[in-house]
Amino acid sequence: MVETAAEAIGANSLLVKVSAYYHDIGKVKKPNYFIENQSNGENKHDKLSPRMSALVIISHIKDGCELAKEAKLHRNCQHHREHHGTACQILLRQGEKRRRCLHTGSAGKRFPYPGPKPQTREAGLVLLGDVIEASSRILSNPNTIKDQKSRQRRIEGVLWTVNWTNVN
């Protein structure tokens, strides 16, 4: 998806494709703390304070940069740092469970990613792809009007976050 988008706007499609593959590589250090690896209904964040939960989630960025440097992929490290921009994670209590959202439209404790915002069209496309993928994971029914509007707000947030005309 992001590779095709890069081709359409004249961005470096190979860089976008590789960055999209590896932007979340830092999650391998604590895989069970990320929703895409939780299949048995257990969420490790339920046992953590909101601040600790946020730190674990944010750590995948630094861990990804370290792993990229070890594998001599550090030129791609920019996209590890920028793929969430400075968006806020919002941790909400729902009964005994905590839900993590990557948009700022809900009430709850806010924990911003360290950023920076994407500095290139390529990094912006990786952020956009990540938001679309995350939305598909956390929305209960992507075909309902409510979930479609939620996904649209997230996409619009990325489109407004990235300065598409003033990037390298």
N, C-alpha and C. Protein backbone atom coordinates (compact mmCIF):
# COMPACT_ATOMS: atom_id res chain seq x y z
N MET A 1 0.81 -1.18 0.00
CA MET A 1 0.00 0.00 0.00
C MET A 1 0.87 1.26 0.00
N VAL A 2 1.81 1.38 0.95
CA VAL A 2 2.63 2.59 1.02
C VAL A 2 3.62 2.66 -0.14
N GLU A 3 4.04 1.52 -0.63
CA GLU A 3 4.93 1.51 -1.80
C GLU A 3 4.22 2.11 -3.01
N THR A 4 2.99 1.72 -3.23
CA THR A 4 2.20 2.26 -4.35
C THR A 4 1.96 3.76 -4.16
N ALA A 5 1.68 4.17 -2.94
CA ALA A 5 1.48 5.59 -2.65
C ALA A 5 2.76 6.38 -2.94
N ALA A 6 3.90 5.81 -2.56
CA ALA A 6 5.19 6.48 -2.81
C ALA A 6 5.42 6.66 -4.31
N GLU A 7 5.13 5.62 -5.07
CA GLU A 7 5.28 5.73 -6.53
C GLU A 7 4.37 6.83 -7.09
N ALA A 8 3.16 6.91 -6.55
CA ALA A 8 2.18 7.89 -7.05
C ALA A 8 2.61 9.33 -6.81
N ILE A 9 3.36 9.58 -5.72
CA ILE A 9 3.76 10.96 -5.42
C ILE A 9 5.24 11.22 -5.73
N GLY A 10 5.91 10.25 -6.33
CA GLY A 10 7.31 10.45 -6.71
C GLY A 10 8.29 10.33 -5.57
N ALA A 11 7.90 9.65 -4.50
CA ALA A 11 8.80 9.41 -3.36
C ALA A 11 9.62 8.14 -3.62
N ASN A 12 10.59 7.88 -2.79
CA ASN A 12 11.45 6.71 -2.92
C ASN A 12 10.67 5.47 -2.46
N SER A 13 10.10 4.74 -3.41
CA SER A 13 9.22 3.63 -3.07
C SER A 13 9.96 2.47 -2.42
N LEU A 14 11.21 2.23 -2.80
CA LEU A 14 11.97 1.14 -2.16
C LEU A 14 12.26 1.47 -0.70
N LEU A 15 12.65 2.69 -0.43
CA LEU A 15 12.90 3.11 0.95
C LEU A 15 11.62 2.98 1.79
N VAL A 16 10.50 3.39 1.23
CA VAL A 16 9.22 3.30 1.94
C VAL A 16 8.88 1.84 2.21
N LYS A 17 9.07 0.99 1.22
CA LYS A 17 8.75 -0.44 1.38
C LYS A 17 9.60 -1.07 2.49
N VAL A 18 10.90 -0.82 2.46
CA VAL A 18 11.80 -1.39 3.48
C VAL A 18 11.48 -0.80 4.85
N SER A 19 11.23 0.49 4.90
CA SER A 19 10.88 1.13 6.19
C SER A 19 9.57 0.58 6.74
N ALA A 20 8.61 0.33 5.87
CA ALA A 20 7.34 -0.23 6.32
C ALA A 20 7.54 -1.64 6.88
N TYR A 21 8.44 -2.41 6.28
CA TYR A 21 8.72 -3.75 6.79
C TYR A 21 9.35 -3.71 8.18
N TYR A 22 10.27 -2.77 8.40
CA TYR A 22 11.11 -2.81 9.60
C TYR A 22 10.85 -1.72 10.63
N HIS A 23 9.88 -0.84 10.42
CA HIS A 23 9.71 0.29 11.33
C HIS A 23 9.35 -0.14 12.75
N ASP A 24 8.75 -1.31 12.93
CA ASP A 24 8.37 -1.79 14.26
C ASP A 24 9.26 -2.93 14.75
N ILE A 25 10.45 -3.05 14.22
CA ILE A 25 11.33 -4.16 14.59
C ILE A 25 11.67 -4.14 16.08
N GLY A 26 11.60 -2.98 16.71
CA GLY A 26 11.88 -2.88 18.14
C GLY A 26 10.90 -3.65 19.00
N LYS A 27 9.76 -3.99 18.44
CA LYS A 27 8.76 -4.75 19.20
C LYS A 27 9.23 -6.18 19.50
N VAL A 28 10.27 -6.66 18.82
CA VAL A 28 10.74 -8.02 19.09
C VAL A 28 11.37 -8.15 20.47
N LYS A 29 11.76 -7.04 21.08
CA LYS A 29 12.34 -7.11 22.42
C LYS A 29 11.30 -7.40 23.50
N LYS A 30 10.05 -6.96 23.28
CA LYS A 30 8.95 -7.21 24.23
C LYS A 30 7.69 -7.54 23.43
N PRO A 31 7.69 -8.60 22.67
CA PRO A 31 6.60 -8.86 21.72
C PRO A 31 5.22 -9.01 22.35
N ASN A 32 5.13 -9.56 23.54
CA ASN A 32 3.82 -9.83 24.14
C ASN A 32 3.12 -8.59 24.68
N TYR A 33 3.77 -7.45 24.58
CA TYR A 33 3.15 -6.20 25.02
C TYR A 33 2.45 -5.47 23.87
N PHE A 34 2.43 -6.07 22.68
CA PHE A 34 1.85 -5.41 21.53
C PHE A 34 0.67 -6.23 21.02
N ILE A 35 -0.41 -5.54 20.71
CA ILE A 35 -1.69 -6.17 20.43
C ILE A 35 -1.62 -7.20 19.30
N GLU A 36 -0.77 -6.96 18.32
CA GLU A 36 -0.69 -7.89 17.20
C GLU A 36 -0.10 -9.24 17.60
N ASN A 37 0.48 -9.32 18.79
CA ASN A 37 1.06 -10.58 19.28
C ASN A 37 0.26 -11.18 20.43
N GLN A 38 -0.87 -10.61 20.75
CA GLN A 38 -1.70 -11.08 21.86
C GLN A 38 -2.88 -11.87 21.30
N SER A 39 -2.79 -13.19 21.38
CA SER A 39 -3.85 -14.00 20.78
C SER A 39 -4.72 -14.71 21.82
N ASN A 40 -4.25 -14.81 23.03
CA ASN A 40 -5.00 -15.57 24.04
C ASN A 40 -5.91 -14.70 24.91
N GLY A 41 -6.09 -13.45 24.53
CA GLY A 41 -6.96 -12.57 25.30
C GLY A 41 -6.27 -11.91 26.48
N GLU A 42 -5.05 -12.31 26.81
CA GLU A 42 -4.31 -11.71 27.92
C GLU A 42 -3.57 -10.48 27.42
N ASN A 43 -3.73 -9.39 28.14
CA ASN A 43 -3.04 -8.16 27.80
C ASN A 43 -2.11 -7.81 28.95
N LYS A 44 -0.81 -7.89 28.70
CA LYS A 44 0.18 -7.63 29.75
C LYS A 44 0.07 -6.23 30.33
N HIS A 45 -0.51 -5.30 29.59
CA HIS A 45 -0.66 -3.93 30.08
C HIS A 45 -1.67 -3.83 31.21
N ASP A 46 -2.54 -4.82 31.33
CA ASP A 46 -3.53 -4.79 32.41
C ASP A 46 -2.88 -4.82 33.79
N LYS A 47 -1.64 -5.31 33.87
CA LYS A 47 -0.93 -5.41 35.15
C LYS A 47 0.03 -4.25 35.38
N LEU A 48 0.07 -3.30 34.45
CA LEU A 48 1.01 -2.18 34.55
C LEU A 48 0.27 -0.88 34.84
N SER A 49 0.98 0.06 35.44
CA SER A 49 0.43 1.41 35.58
C SER A 49 0.39 2.04 34.19
N PRO A 50 -0.46 3.05 33.98
CA PRO A 50 -0.49 3.69 32.67
C PRO A 50 0.88 4.24 32.25
N ARG A 51 1.61 4.82 33.17
CA ARG A 51 2.93 5.37 32.82
C ARG A 51 3.89 4.26 32.38
N MET A 52 3.91 3.14 33.10
CA MET A 52 4.80 2.04 32.74
C MET A 52 4.38 1.44 31.40
N SER A 53 3.08 1.32 31.21
CA SER A 53 2.56 0.81 29.95
C SER A 53 3.02 1.68 28.78
N ALA A 54 2.91 2.98 28.95
CA ALA A 54 3.35 3.91 27.91
C ALA A 54 4.84 3.79 27.64
N LEU A 55 5.63 3.67 28.70
CA LEU A 55 7.08 3.53 28.52
C LEU A 55 7.44 2.27 27.75
N VAL A 56 6.75 1.17 28.03
CA VAL A 56 7.00 -0.08 27.31
C VAL A 56 6.69 0.10 25.83
N ILE A 57 5.55 0.74 25.55
CA ILE A 57 5.15 0.94 24.16
C ILE A 57 6.13 1.87 23.44
N ILE A 58 6.48 2.98 24.07
CA ILE A 58 7.39 3.94 23.46
C ILE A 58 8.78 3.33 23.26
N SER A 59 9.19 2.41 24.12
CA SER A 59 10.53 1.83 24.03
C SER A 59 10.79 1.10 22.72
N HIS A 60 9.73 0.69 22.02
CA HIS A 60 9.98 -0.03 20.76
C HIS A 60 10.66 0.86 19.73
N ILE A 61 10.54 2.16 19.88
CA ILE A 61 11.21 3.07 18.95
C ILE A 61 12.72 3.05 19.17
N LYS A 62 13.14 3.25 20.42
CA LYS A 62 14.58 3.21 20.75
C LYS A 62 15.16 1.83 20.48
N ASP A 63 14.42 0.78 20.85
CA ASP A 63 14.88 -0.59 20.61
C ASP A 63 15.03 -0.85 19.11
N GLY A 64 14.12 -0.32 18.31
CA GLY A 64 14.21 -0.48 16.86
C GLY A 64 15.44 0.20 16.28
N CYS A 65 15.76 1.39 16.78
CA CYS A 65 16.97 2.08 16.32
C CYS A 65 18.22 1.30 16.68
N GLU A 66 18.26 0.75 17.89
CA GLU A 66 19.41 -0.05 18.31
C GLU A 66 19.57 -1.29 17.43
N LEU A 67 18.47 -1.98 17.18
CA LEU A 67 18.53 -3.17 16.33
C LEU A 67 18.93 -2.81 14.89
N ALA A 68 18.45 -1.69 14.40
CA ALA A 68 18.81 -1.25 13.05
C ALA A 68 20.31 -0.95 12.96
N LYS A 69 20.85 -0.32 14.00
CA LYS A 69 22.29 -0.04 14.01
C LYS A 69 23.10 -1.32 14.07
N GLU A 70 22.67 -2.28 14.89
CA GLU A 70 23.37 -3.57 14.97
C GLU A 70 23.38 -4.28 13.62
N ALA A 71 22.29 -4.15 12.86
CA ALA A 71 22.18 -4.82 11.57
C ALA A 71 22.71 -3.93 10.43
N LYS A 72 23.33 -2.80 10.80
CA LYS A 72 23.86 -1.84 9.84
C LYS A 72 22.77 -1.29 8.92
N LEU A 73 21.59 -1.12 9.47
CA LEU A 73 20.47 -0.50 8.76
C LEU A 73 20.18 0.88 9.34
N HIS A 74 21.17 1.46 10.03
CA HIS A 74 20.93 2.68 10.79
C HIS A 74 20.55 3.88 9.91
N ARG A 75 20.84 3.84 8.61
CA ARG A 75 20.39 4.95 7.76
C ARG A 75 18.87 5.01 7.74
N ASN A 76 18.25 3.87 8.02
CA ASN A 76 16.80 3.77 8.05
C ASN A 76 16.24 4.14 9.43
N CYS A 77 17.09 4.43 10.39
CA CYS A 77 16.68 4.68 11.77
C CYS A 77 15.78 5.91 11.88
N GLN A 78 15.92 6.84 10.96
CA GLN A 78 15.07 8.03 10.97
C GLN A 78 13.60 7.63 10.98
N HIS A 79 13.25 6.62 10.22
CA HIS A 79 11.84 6.22 10.14
C HIS A 79 11.38 5.49 11.40
N HIS A 80 12.32 4.89 12.13
CA HIS A 80 11.95 4.31 13.44
C HIS A 80 11.53 5.43 14.38
N ARG A 81 12.30 6.52 14.38
CA ARG A 81 12.02 7.64 15.30
C ARG A 81 10.78 8.42 14.90
N GLU A 82 10.49 8.48 13.61
CA GLU A 82 9.43 9.36 13.11
C GLU A 82 8.11 8.65 12.84
N HIS A 83 8.04 7.33 12.95
CA HIS A 83 6.83 6.65 12.47
C HIS A 83 5.61 6.81 13.36
N HIS A 84 5.75 7.45 14.52
CA HIS A 84 4.59 7.85 15.31
C HIS A 84 4.52 9.36 15.46
N GLY A 85 5.52 10.03 14.95
CA GLY A 85 5.56 11.48 15.09
C GLY A 85 5.54 11.86 16.56
N THR A 86 4.74 12.84 16.89
CA THR A 86 4.60 13.27 18.28
C THR A 86 3.17 13.01 18.76
N ALA A 87 2.51 12.05 18.12
CA ALA A 87 1.14 11.70 18.51
C ALA A 87 1.11 11.24 19.95
N CYS A 88 -0.04 11.38 20.56
CA CYS A 88 -0.22 10.92 21.93
C CYS A 88 -0.81 9.52 21.93
N GLN A 89 -0.27 8.68 22.80
CA GLN A 89 -0.95 7.43 23.11
C GLN A 89 -1.93 7.82 24.20
N ILE A 90 -3.08 7.24 24.18
CA ILE A 90 -4.05 7.52 25.22
C ILE A 90 -4.44 6.19 25.84
N LEU A 91 -4.23 6.09 27.13
CA LEU A 91 -4.53 4.85 27.84
C LEU A 91 -5.84 5.06 28.59
N LEU A 92 -6.82 4.27 28.26
CA LEU A 92 -8.14 4.41 28.85
C LEU A 92 -8.47 3.19 29.68
N ARG A 93 -9.02 3.41 30.86
CA ARG A 93 -9.52 2.31 31.67
C ARG A 93 -10.92 1.96 31.20
N GLN A 94 -11.15 0.71 30.93
CA GLN A 94 -12.49 0.23 30.59
C GLN A 94 -12.73 -1.00 31.43
N GLY A 95 -13.44 -0.82 32.54
CA GLY A 95 -13.59 -1.90 33.49
C GLY A 95 -12.22 -2.23 34.02
N GLU A 96 -11.81 -3.47 33.89
CA GLU A 96 -10.49 -3.89 34.35
C GLU A 96 -9.47 -3.88 33.22
N LYS A 97 -9.89 -3.53 32.02
CA LYS A 97 -8.97 -3.56 30.89
C LYS A 97 -8.58 -2.15 30.48
N ARG A 98 -7.45 -2.04 29.87
CA ARG A 98 -6.94 -0.78 29.36
C ARG A 98 -6.88 -0.90 27.84
N ARG A 99 -7.33 0.14 27.17
CA ARG A 99 -7.29 0.15 25.72
C ARG A 99 -6.34 1.26 25.28
N ARG A 100 -5.52 0.99 24.31
CA ARG A 100 -4.55 1.97 23.83
C ARG A 100 -5.01 2.50 22.48
N CYS A 101 -5.07 3.82 22.37
CA CYS A 101 -5.44 4.45 21.11
C CYS A 101 -4.31 5.37 20.69
N LEU A 102 -4.15 5.55 19.41
CA LEU A 102 -3.09 6.41 18.91
C LEU A 102 -3.62 7.75 18.40
N HIS A 103 -4.79 8.14 18.80
CA HIS A 103 -5.31 9.44 18.40
C HIS A 103 -5.54 10.26 19.65
N THR A 104 -5.79 11.54 19.46
CA THR A 104 -5.90 12.43 20.62
C THR A 104 -7.33 12.88 20.88
N GLY A 105 -8.30 12.21 20.31
CA GLY A 105 -9.67 12.66 20.45
C GLY A 105 -10.43 12.08 21.63
N SER A 106 -9.80 11.34 22.51
CA SER A 106 -10.50 10.72 23.63
C SER A 106 -9.94 11.24 24.95
N ALA A 107 -10.75 11.11 25.98
CA ALA A 107 -10.29 11.51 27.31
C ALA A 107 -9.43 10.39 27.88
N GLY A 108 -8.46 10.73 28.66
CA GLY A 108 -7.60 9.73 29.27
C GLY A 108 -6.23 10.33 29.52
N LYS A 109 -5.32 9.54 30.07
CA LYS A 109 -3.97 10.02 30.29
C LYS A 109 -3.22 10.00 28.97
N ARG A 110 -2.54 11.09 28.68
CA ARG A 110 -1.85 11.23 27.41
C ARG A 110 -0.34 11.08 27.59
N PHE A 111 0.25 10.29 26.72
CA PHE A 111 1.68 10.04 26.74
C PHE A 111 2.20 10.21 25.32
N PRO A 112 2.85 11.33 25.02
CA PRO A 112 3.29 11.56 23.64
C PRO A 112 4.51 10.71 23.28
N TYR A 113 4.55 10.34 22.01
CA TYR A 113 5.76 9.73 21.47
C TYR A 113 6.82 10.82 21.38
N PRO A 114 8.10 10.45 21.45
CA PRO A 114 9.15 11.47 21.46
C PRO A 114 9.37 12.18 20.13
N GLY A 115 8.89 11.60 19.04
CA GLY A 115 9.04 12.24 17.74
C GLY A 115 10.46 12.15 17.22
N PRO A 116 10.77 12.97 16.27
CA PRO A 116 10.04 14.11 15.75
C PRO A 116 8.95 13.69 14.78
N LYS A 117 8.18 14.68 14.32
CA LYS A 117 7.21 14.42 13.27
C LYS A 117 7.98 14.00 12.01
N PRO A 118 7.35 13.28 11.12
CA PRO A 118 8.05 12.87 9.89
C PRO A 118 8.64 14.07 9.14
N GLN A 119 9.90 13.91 8.74
CA GLN A 119 10.62 14.97 8.06
C GLN A 119 10.68 14.78 6.56
N THR A 120 10.27 13.61 6.09
CA THR A 120 10.28 13.33 4.66
C THR A 120 8.93 12.75 4.24
N ARG A 121 8.65 12.80 2.95
CA ARG A 121 7.41 12.18 2.45
C ARG A 121 7.44 10.69 2.74
N GLU A 122 8.62 10.08 2.64
CA GLU A 122 8.75 8.64 2.88
C GLU A 122 8.37 8.29 4.32
N ALA A 123 8.90 9.05 5.28
CA ALA A 123 8.56 8.80 6.69
C ALA A 123 7.08 9.08 6.94
N GLY A 124 6.53 10.09 6.27
CA GLY A 124 5.11 10.39 6.39
C GLY A 124 4.25 9.24 5.88
N LEU A 125 4.67 8.61 4.79
CA LEU A 125 3.93 7.47 4.27
C LEU A 125 3.99 6.27 5.21
N VAL A 126 5.15 6.07 5.86
CA VAL A 126 5.26 4.97 6.83
C VAL A 126 4.31 5.23 8.00
N LEU A 127 4.24 6.47 8.47
CA LEU A 127 3.30 6.83 9.54
C LEU A 127 1.86 6.59 9.09
N LEU A 128 1.53 7.01 7.88
CA LEU A 128 0.17 6.83 7.37
C LEU A 128 -0.19 5.34 7.29
N GLY A 129 0.72 4.53 6.76
CA GLY A 129 0.47 3.08 6.69
C GLY A 129 0.31 2.46 8.06
N ASP A 130 1.12 2.92 9.02
CA ASP A 130 1.05 2.39 10.38
C ASP A 130 -0.29 2.73 11.02
N VAL A 131 -0.78 3.94 10.81
CA VAL A 131 -2.07 4.35 11.37
C VAL A 131 -3.20 3.53 10.76
N ILE A 132 -3.14 3.30 9.46
CA ILE A 132 -4.18 2.51 8.81
C ILE A 132 -4.16 1.08 9.34
N GLU A 133 -2.97 0.50 9.46
CA GLU A 133 -2.87 -0.87 9.99
C GLU A 133 -3.36 -0.94 11.44
N ALA A 134 -2.92 0.00 12.27
CA ALA A 134 -3.33 0.00 13.68
C ALA A 134 -4.83 0.15 13.80
N SER A 135 -5.42 1.00 12.97
CA SER A 135 -6.87 1.19 13.00
C SER A 135 -7.59 -0.12 12.70
N SER A 136 -7.06 -0.88 11.77
CA SER A 136 -7.72 -2.15 11.43
C SER A 136 -7.64 -3.15 12.58
N ARG A 137 -6.63 -3.02 13.43
CA ARG A 137 -6.47 -3.94 14.56
C ARG A 137 -7.36 -3.58 15.75
N ILE A 138 -7.55 -2.29 15.99
CA ILE A 138 -8.24 -1.90 17.22
C ILE A 138 -9.70 -1.59 17.03
N LEU A 139 -10.14 -1.38 15.81
CA LEU A 139 -11.55 -1.10 15.59
C LEU A 139 -12.34 -2.39 15.66
N SER A 140 -13.45 -2.36 16.37
CA SER A 140 -14.22 -3.59 16.58
C SER A 140 -14.90 -4.07 15.31
N ASN A 141 -15.46 -3.18 14.52
CA ASN A 141 -16.11 -3.57 13.27
C ASN A 141 -15.84 -2.48 12.25
N PRO A 142 -14.84 -2.68 11.37
CA PRO A 142 -14.44 -1.62 10.45
C PRO A 142 -15.53 -1.21 9.46
N ASN A 143 -16.63 -1.94 9.41
CA ASN A 143 -17.70 -1.60 8.48
C ASN A 143 -18.78 -0.70 9.07
N THR A 144 -18.74 -0.47 10.39
CA THR A 144 -19.75 0.41 10.99
C THR A 144 -19.40 1.87 10.70
N ILE A 145 -20.41 2.70 10.68
CA ILE A 145 -20.20 4.13 10.44
C ILE A 145 -19.29 4.72 11.51
N LYS A 146 -19.49 4.33 12.76
CA LYS A 146 -18.68 4.84 13.88
C LYS A 146 -17.20 4.52 13.66
N ASP A 147 -16.90 3.27 13.32
CA ASP A 147 -15.50 2.88 13.11
C ASP A 147 -14.92 3.50 11.84
N GLN A 148 -15.73 3.67 10.82
CA GLN A 148 -15.26 4.32 9.60
C GLN A 148 -14.89 5.78 9.89
N LYS A 149 -15.70 6.45 10.70
CA LYS A 149 -15.41 7.83 11.07
C LYS A 149 -14.15 7.91 11.92
N SER A 150 -13.98 6.95 12.83
CA SER A 150 -12.79 6.92 13.68
C SER A 150 -11.53 6.74 12.81
N ARG A 151 -11.59 5.81 11.87
CA ARG A 151 -10.45 5.57 10.98
C ARG A 151 -10.18 6.82 10.15
N GLN A 152 -11.23 7.45 9.66
CA GLN A 152 -11.07 8.67 8.85
C GLN A 152 -10.40 9.79 9.65
N ARG A 153 -10.81 9.95 10.92
CA ARG A 153 -10.18 10.98 11.78
C ARG A 153 -8.69 10.71 11.94
N ARG A 154 -8.32 9.45 12.12
CA ARG A 154 -6.91 9.10 12.29
C ARG A 154 -6.11 9.41 11.03
N ILE A 155 -6.67 9.04 9.90
CA ILE A 155 -5.98 9.30 8.63
C ILE A 155 -5.85 10.81 8.40
N GLU A 156 -6.92 11.55 8.65
CA GLU A 156 -6.86 13.00 8.50
C GLU A 156 -5.83 13.61 9.44
N GLY A 157 -5.73 13.06 10.66
CA GLY A 157 -4.72 13.54 11.61
C GLY A 157 -3.32 13.40 11.05
N VAL A 158 -3.03 12.29 10.40
CA VAL A 158 -1.71 12.10 9.78
C VAL A 158 -1.53 13.07 8.63
N LEU A 159 -2.55 13.20 7.81
CA LEU A 159 -2.44 14.09 6.66
C LEU A 159 -2.17 15.52 7.09
N TRP A 160 -2.72 15.95 8.24
CA TRP A 160 -2.47 17.29 8.76
C TRP A 160 -1.15 17.37 9.51
N THR A 161 -0.67 16.26 10.06
CA THR A 161 0.57 16.25 10.83
C THR A 161 1.79 16.40 9.93
N VAL A 162 1.77 15.75 8.79
CA VAL A 162 2.93 15.75 7.89
C VAL A 162 2.81 16.94 6.95
N ASN A 163 3.88 17.70 6.85
CA ASN A 163 3.93 18.80 5.90
C ASN A 163 4.40 18.23 4.56
N TRP A 164 3.45 17.79 3.75
CA TRP A 164 3.77 17.07 2.52
C TRP A 164 4.45 17.94 1.48
N THR A 165 4.32 19.27 1.58
CA THR A 165 4.92 20.15 0.58
C THR A 165 6.29 20.67 0.99
N ASN A 166 6.65 20.49 2.23
CA ASN A 166 7.90 21.06 2.72
C ASN A 166 8.77 19.99 3.35
N VAL A 167 8.88 18.86 2.67
CA VAL A 167 9.72 17.78 3.16
C VAL A 167 10.76 17.45 2.12
N ASN A 168 11.82 16.79 2.55
CA ASN A 168 12.92 16.44 1.63
C ASN A 168 12.50 15.35 0.67
